[in-house]
C-alpha atoms as a PDB file:
ATOM      1  CA  MET A   1      96.009 150.952 191.034  1.00  0.00           C
ATOM      2  CA  LYS A   2      99.308 152.577 191.881  1.00  0.00           C
ATOM      3  CA  ASN A   3     100.359 155.553 189.755  1.00  0.00           C
ATOM      4  CA  LYS A   4     103.783 155.116 188.210  1.00  0.00           C
ATOM      5  CA  ILE A   5     105.382 158.313 187.004  1.00  0.00           C
ATOM      6  CA  LEU A   6     108.513 158.489 184.882  1.00  0.00           C
ATOM      7  CA  ILE A   7     110.182 161.893 184.838  1.00  0.00           C
ATOM      8  CA  PHE A   8     112.641 162.239 182.005  1.00  0.00           C
ATOM      9  CA  GLY A   9     114.628 165.423 181.744  1.00  0.00           C
ATOM     10  CA  ASP A  10     117.712 167.532 182.178  1.00  0.00           C
ATOM     11  CA  SER A  11     119.305 168.417 185.514  1.00  0.00           C
ATOM     12  CA  HIS A  12     116.483 170.880 186.262  1.00  0.00           C
ATOM     13  CA  SER A  13     114.094 167.932 186.649  1.00  0.00           C
ATOM     14  CA  LEU A  14     115.842 166.995 189.875  1.00  0.00           C
ATOM     15  CA  TYR A  15     113.276 169.003 191.824  1.00  0.00           C
ATOM     16  CA  PHE A  16     110.636 166.380 191.070  1.00  0.00           C
ATOM     17  CA  ARG A  17     112.344 163.551 192.916  1.00  0.00           C
ATOM     18  CA  LYS A  18     110.288 162.021 195.666  1.00  0.00           C
ATOM     19  CA  THR A  19     112.115 161.893 198.974  1.00  0.00           C
ATOM     20  CA  LEU A  20     111.310 160.083 202.209  1.00  0.00           C
ATOM     21  CA  ASP A  21     110.714 163.469 203.843  1.00  0.00           C
ATOM     22  CA  LEU A  22     108.148 164.315 201.184  1.00  0.00           C
ATOM     23  CA  ASN A  23     106.360 161.025 201.840  1.00  0.00           C
ATOM     24  CA  GLU A  24     106.192 161.927 205.537  1.00  0.00           C
ATOM     25  CA  LEU A  25     104.827 165.403 204.824  1.00  0.00           C
ATOM     26  CA  MET A  26     102.320 164.220 202.222  1.00  0.00           C
ATOM     27  CA  PRO A  27     101.136 160.666 202.930  1.00  0.00           C
ATOM     28  CA  ILE A  28      98.955 160.742 199.816  1.00  0.00           C
ATOM     29  CA  LEU A  29     102.172 160.441 197.771  1.00  0.00           C
ATOM     30  CA  LYS A  30     102.978 157.017 199.235  1.00  0.00           C
ATOM     31  CA  ASP A  31     100.843 155.387 196.533  1.00  0.00           C
ATOM     32  CA  ILE A  32     102.783 157.059 193.744  1.00  0.00           C
ATOM     33  CA  ASP A  33     105.977 155.562 192.359  1.00  0.00           C
ATOM     34  CA  VAL A  34     108.232 158.224 190.892  1.00  0.00           C
ATOM     35  CA  THR A  35     111.226 157.346 188.749  1.00  0.00           C
ATOM     36  CA  LEU A  36     113.467 160.237 187.833  1.00  0.00           C
ATOM     37  CA  GLU A  37     115.814 159.791 184.892  1.00  0.00           C
ATOM     38  CA  LYS A  38     117.938 162.928 185.021  1.00  0.00           C
ATOM     39  CA  LEU A  39     120.412 163.495 182.201  1.00  0.00           C
ATOM     40  CA  ASN A  40     122.680 166.474 182.705  1.00  0.00           C
ATOM     41  CA  GLY A  41     122.891 168.476 179.501  1.00  0.00           C
ATOM     42  CA  ALA A  42     120.008 166.662 177.767  1.00  0.00           C
ATOM     43  CA  THR A  43     118.372 168.722 175.045  1.00  0.00           C
ATOM     44  CA  ILE A  44     115.190 168.697 173.028  1.00  0.00           C
ATOM     45  CA  LYS A  45     117.340 168.723 169.912  1.00  0.00           C
ATOM     46  CA  GLY A  46     119.045 165.480 170.970  1.00  0.00           C
ATOM     47  CA  PHE A  47     115.989 163.664 172.331  1.00  0.00           C
ATOM     48  CA  GLY A  48     114.487 162.048 169.247  1.00  0.00           C
ATOM     49  CA  ASN A  49     117.868 161.678 167.614  1.00  0.00           C
ATOM     50  CA  ARG A  50     119.136 158.085 167.339  1.00  0.00           C
ATOM     51  CA  LYS A  51     122.758 159.263 167.517  1.00  0.00           C
ATOM     52  CA  SER A  52     122.631 161.963 170.161  1.00  0.00           C
ATOM     53  CA  THR A  53     125.715 162.540 172.282  1.00  0.00           C
ATOM     54  CA  LEU A  54     123.957 161.469 175.476  1.00  0.00           C
ATOM     55  CA  ASN A  55     122.031 158.590 173.853  1.00  0.00           C
ATOM     56  CA  THR A  56     118.810 159.991 175.342  1.00  0.00           C
ATOM     57  CA  LEU A  57     116.456 158.057 173.071  1.00  0.00           C
ATOM     58  CA  ASP A  58     117.781 154.641 174.124  1.00  0.00           C
ATOM     59  CA  ILE A  59     117.864 155.650 177.789  1.00  0.00           C
ATOM     60  CA  PHE A  60     114.269 156.834 177.570  1.00  0.00           C
ATOM     61  CA  LEU A  61     113.060 153.649 175.855  1.00  0.00           C
ATOM     62  CA  GLU A  62     114.887 151.491 178.395  1.00  0.00           C
ATOM     63  CA  ASN A  63     113.224 153.401 181.252  1.00  0.00           C
ATOM     64  CA  ILE A  64     109.795 152.868 179.688  1.00  0.00           C
ATOM     65  CA  ARG A  65     110.409 149.126 179.429  1.00  0.00           C
ATOM     66  CA  LYS A  66     111.851 148.885 182.922  1.00  0.00           C
ATOM     67  CA  ASN A  67     109.280 151.044 184.762  1.00  0.00           C
ATOM     68  CA  SER A  68     106.003 150.653 182.817  1.00  0.00           C
ATOM     69  CA  PRO A  69     104.761 154.121 183.795  1.00  0.00           C
ATOM     70  CA  ASN A  70     101.232 155.356 183.260  1.00  0.00           C
ATOM     71  CA  VAL A  71     102.427 158.990 183.380  1.00  0.00           C
ATOM     72  CA  ILE A  72     105.486 160.398 181.640  1.00  0.00           C
ATOM     73  CA  VAL A  73     106.789 163.857 182.454  1.00  0.00           C
ATOM     74  CA  PHE A  74     109.160 165.408 179.923  1.00  0.00           C
ATOM     75  CA  GLY A  75     111.476 168.032 181.384  1.00  0.00           C
ATOM     76  CA  LEU A  76     113.724 169.144 178.558  1.00  0.00           C
ATOM     77  CA  GLY A  77     114.388 172.576 177.097  1.00  0.00           C
ATOM     78  CA  GLN A  78     116.418 174.453 179.698  1.00  0.00           C
ATOM     79  CA  VAL A  79     119.739 173.609 178.057  1.00  0.00           C
ATOM     80  CA  ASP A  80     118.388 174.419 174.592  1.00  0.00           C
ATOM     81  CA  VAL A  81     117.189 177.870 175.638  1.00  0.00           C
ATOM     82  CA  GLU A  82     120.018 178.883 177.996  1.00  0.00           C
ATOM     83  CA  LEU A  83     122.932 177.491 175.991  1.00  0.00           C
ATOM     84  CA  GLY A  84     121.831 176.013 172.661  1.00  0.00           C
ATOM     85  CA  PHE A  85     120.504 179.280 171.313  1.00  0.00           C
ATOM     86  CA  TYR A  86     123.771 181.086 172.082  1.00  0.00           C
ATOM     87  CA  TYR A  87     125.867 178.239 170.741  1.00  0.00           C
ATOM     88  CA  ARG A  88     124.027 178.467 167.423  1.00  0.00           C
ATOM     89  CA  LYS A  89     124.201 182.253 167.435  1.00  0.00           C
ATOM     90  CA  ILE A  90     127.863 182.655 168.380  1.00  0.00           C
ATOM     91  CA  ILE A  91     129.654 179.497 167.256  1.00  0.00           C
ATOM     92  CA  LYS A  92     127.572 178.567 164.217  1.00  0.00           C
ATOM     93  CA  ARG A  93     126.790 182.180 163.269  1.00  0.00           C
ATOM     94  CA  ASP A  94     123.079 181.337 162.940  1.00  0.00           C
ATOM     95  CA  THR A  95     120.909 184.430 162.418  1.00  0.00           C
ATOM     96  CA  THR A  96     117.633 182.930 163.667  1.00  0.00           C
ATOM     97  CA  ASN A  97     115.890 185.214 166.152  1.00  0.00           C
ATOM     98  CA  PHE A  98     114.925 183.912 169.592  1.00  0.00           C
ATOM     99  CA  GLU A  99     111.184 183.658 168.914  1.00  0.00           C
ATOM    100  CA  ASP A 100     111.715 181.622 165.730  1.00  0.00           C
ATOM    101  CA  PHE A 101     114.261 179.463 167.561  1.00  0.00           C
ATOM    102  CA  CYS A 102     111.739 178.716 170.327  1.00  0.00           C
ATOM    103  CA  ASN A 103     108.911 178.002 167.889  1.00  0.00           C
ATOM    104  CA  LYS A 104     111.106 175.531 166.013  1.00  0.00           C
ATOM    105  CA  LEU A 105     112.200 173.995 169.300  1.00  0.00           C
ATOM    106  CA  ILE A 106     108.577 173.435 170.371  1.00  0.00           C
ATOM    107  CA  GLU A 107     107.741 171.933 166.981  1.00  0.00           C
ATOM    108  CA  ASN A 108     110.723 169.556 167.243  1.00  0.00           C
ATOM    109  CA  TYR A 109     109.844 168.646 170.842  1.00  0.00           C
ATOM    110  CA  LEU A 110     106.278 167.691 170.033  1.00  0.00           C
ATOM    111  CA  SER A 111     107.128 165.767 166.873  1.00  0.00           C
ATOM    112  CA  SER A 112     109.990 163.892 168.585  1.00  0.00           C
ATOM    113  CA  VAL A 113     107.828 162.902 171.545  1.00  0.00           C
ATOM    114  CA  LYS A 114     104.994 161.767 169.249  1.00  0.00           C
ATOM    115  CA  ALA A 115     107.381 159.729 167.103  1.00  0.00           C
ATOM    116  CA  VAL A 116     109.050 158.051 170.073  1.00  0.00           C
ATOM    117  CA  LEU A 117     105.794 157.296 171.869  1.00  0.00           C
ATOM    118  CA  SER A 118     104.259 155.811 168.732  1.00  0.00           C
ATOM    119  CA  LYS A 119     107.063 153.217 168.714  1.00  0.00           C
ATOM    120  CA  ILE A 120     106.092 151.953 172.147  1.00  0.00           C
ATOM    121  CA  ASN A 121     102.301 152.349 171.950  1.00  0.00           C
ATOM    122  CA  PHE A 122     102.132 154.433 175.111  1.00  0.00           C
ATOM    123  CA  ALA A 123      98.538 155.222 176.072  1.00  0.00           C
ATOM    124  CA  GLY A 124      99.111 156.980 179.402  1.00  0.00           C
ATOM    125  CA  LEU A 125      99.243 160.636 180.358  1.00  0.00           C
ATOM    126  CA  ILE A 126     101.972 162.889 178.937  1.00  0.00           C
ATOM    127  CA  VAL A 127     103.057 165.999 180.843  1.00  0.00           C
ATOM    128  CA  PHE A 128     105.503 168.680 179.685  1.00  0.00           C
ATOM    129  CA  LYS A 129     107.357 170.542 182.415  1.00  0.00           C
ATOM    130  CA  GLY A 130     108.157 174.111 181.443  1.00  0.00           C
ATOM    131  CA  ILE A 131     111.619 175.518 181.800  1.00  0.00           C
ATOM    132  CA  ASN A 132     112.700 177.243 184.987  1.00  0.00           C
ATOM    133  CA  ASN A 133     113.456 180.920 185.273  1.00  0.00           C
ATOM    134  CA  THR A 134     117.076 181.289 184.354  1.00  0.00           C
ATOM    135  CA  THR A 135     119.676 181.801 187.036  1.00  0.00           C
ATOM    136  CA  LEU A 136     121.958 183.297 184.420  1.00  0.00           C
ATOM    137  CA  THR A 137     120.487 186.778 184.911  1.00  0.00           C
ATOM    138  CA  ILE A 138     121.462 187.309 188.540  1.00  0.00           C
ATOM    139  CA  ASN A 139     125.098 188.120 187.851  1.00  0.00           C
ATOM    140  CA  GLN A 140     125.670 189.144 184.237  1.00  0.00           C
ATOM    141  CA  GLN A 141     129.451 188.659 184.301  1.00  0.00           C
ATOM    142  CA  LYS A 142     129.145 185.126 185.718  1.00  0.00           C
ATOM    143  CA  ALA A 143     126.453 184.336 183.154  1.00  0.00           C
ATOM    144  CA  ILE A 144     128.679 185.502 180.295  1.00  0.00           C
ATOM    145  CA  LEU A 145     131.689 183.531 181.562  1.00  0.00           C
ATOM    146  CA  TYR A 146     129.615 180.381 182.164  1.00  0.00           C
ATOM    147  CA  THR A 147     127.906 180.540 178.769  1.00  0.00           C
ATOM    148  CA  LYS A 148     131.207 181.264 177.022  1.00  0.00           C
ATOM    149  CA  ARG A 149     132.897 178.314 178.753  1.00  0.00           C
ATOM    150  CA  ILE A 150     130.115 175.890 177.822  1.00  0.00           C
ATOM    151  CA  ILE A 151     129.609 176.917 174.218  1.00  0.00           C
ATOM    152  CA  THR A 152     133.345 177.079 173.469  1.00  0.00           C
ATOM    153  CA  GLU A 153     134.348 173.831 175.202  1.00  0.00           C
ATOM    154  CA  ASN A 154     135.123 172.202 171.843  1.00  0.00           C
ATOM    155  CA  VAL A 155     137.076 175.150 170.477  1.00  0.00           C
ATOM    156  CA  LYS A 156     140.758 174.207 170.746  1.00  0.00           C
ATOM    157  CA  GLU A 157     142.574 177.463 170.001  1.00  0.00           C
ATOM    158  CA  ALA A 158     142.674 180.059 172.800  1.00  0.00           C
ATOM    159  CA  LYS A 159     142.805 182.834 170.178  1.00  0.00           C
ATOM    160  CA  GLU A 160     139.493 181.585 168.767  1.00  0.00           C
ATOM    161  CA  ILE A 161     137.834 181.533 172.191  1.00  0.00           C
ATOM    162  CA  ASP A 162     138.970 185.093 172.891  1.00  0.00           C
ATOM    163  CA  LYS A 163     137.005 186.255 169.823  1.00  0.00           C
ATOM    164  CA  PHE A 164     133.795 185.416 171.648  1.00  0.00           C
END
């Protein structure tokens, strides 16, 4: 039986794609079908949500129907941790500390995945990819400018953006 793996995640899941070169280097992988559904900006918060901006739930369900995987790899969380936390902290003035934020994020992740998988009666293997080490610590000024640009993209007034 051929293993069929569906990888569903944010842009950081790109590293799991199976290339022709990889097949040449590791012939054992030839019997594994890998489908990568990469959604730039996808978040844990938006995954189980019927009305998420990126429509991740419908895209995920469509990929399950189309690919019939026996392994699903979830690769979400990078955007939540690197940007979502700061968006809540700075734009929404949320006072939640980072540890509590992460614990709630994990709780939401697990409950969303369970709820979605129960709808499709998936009996295969579930894998959770951890988040990558952040690249936003190499150059602090670039990290601040990048984070500021992303979390303030919906703020219209320049004077408001300058407050951050």
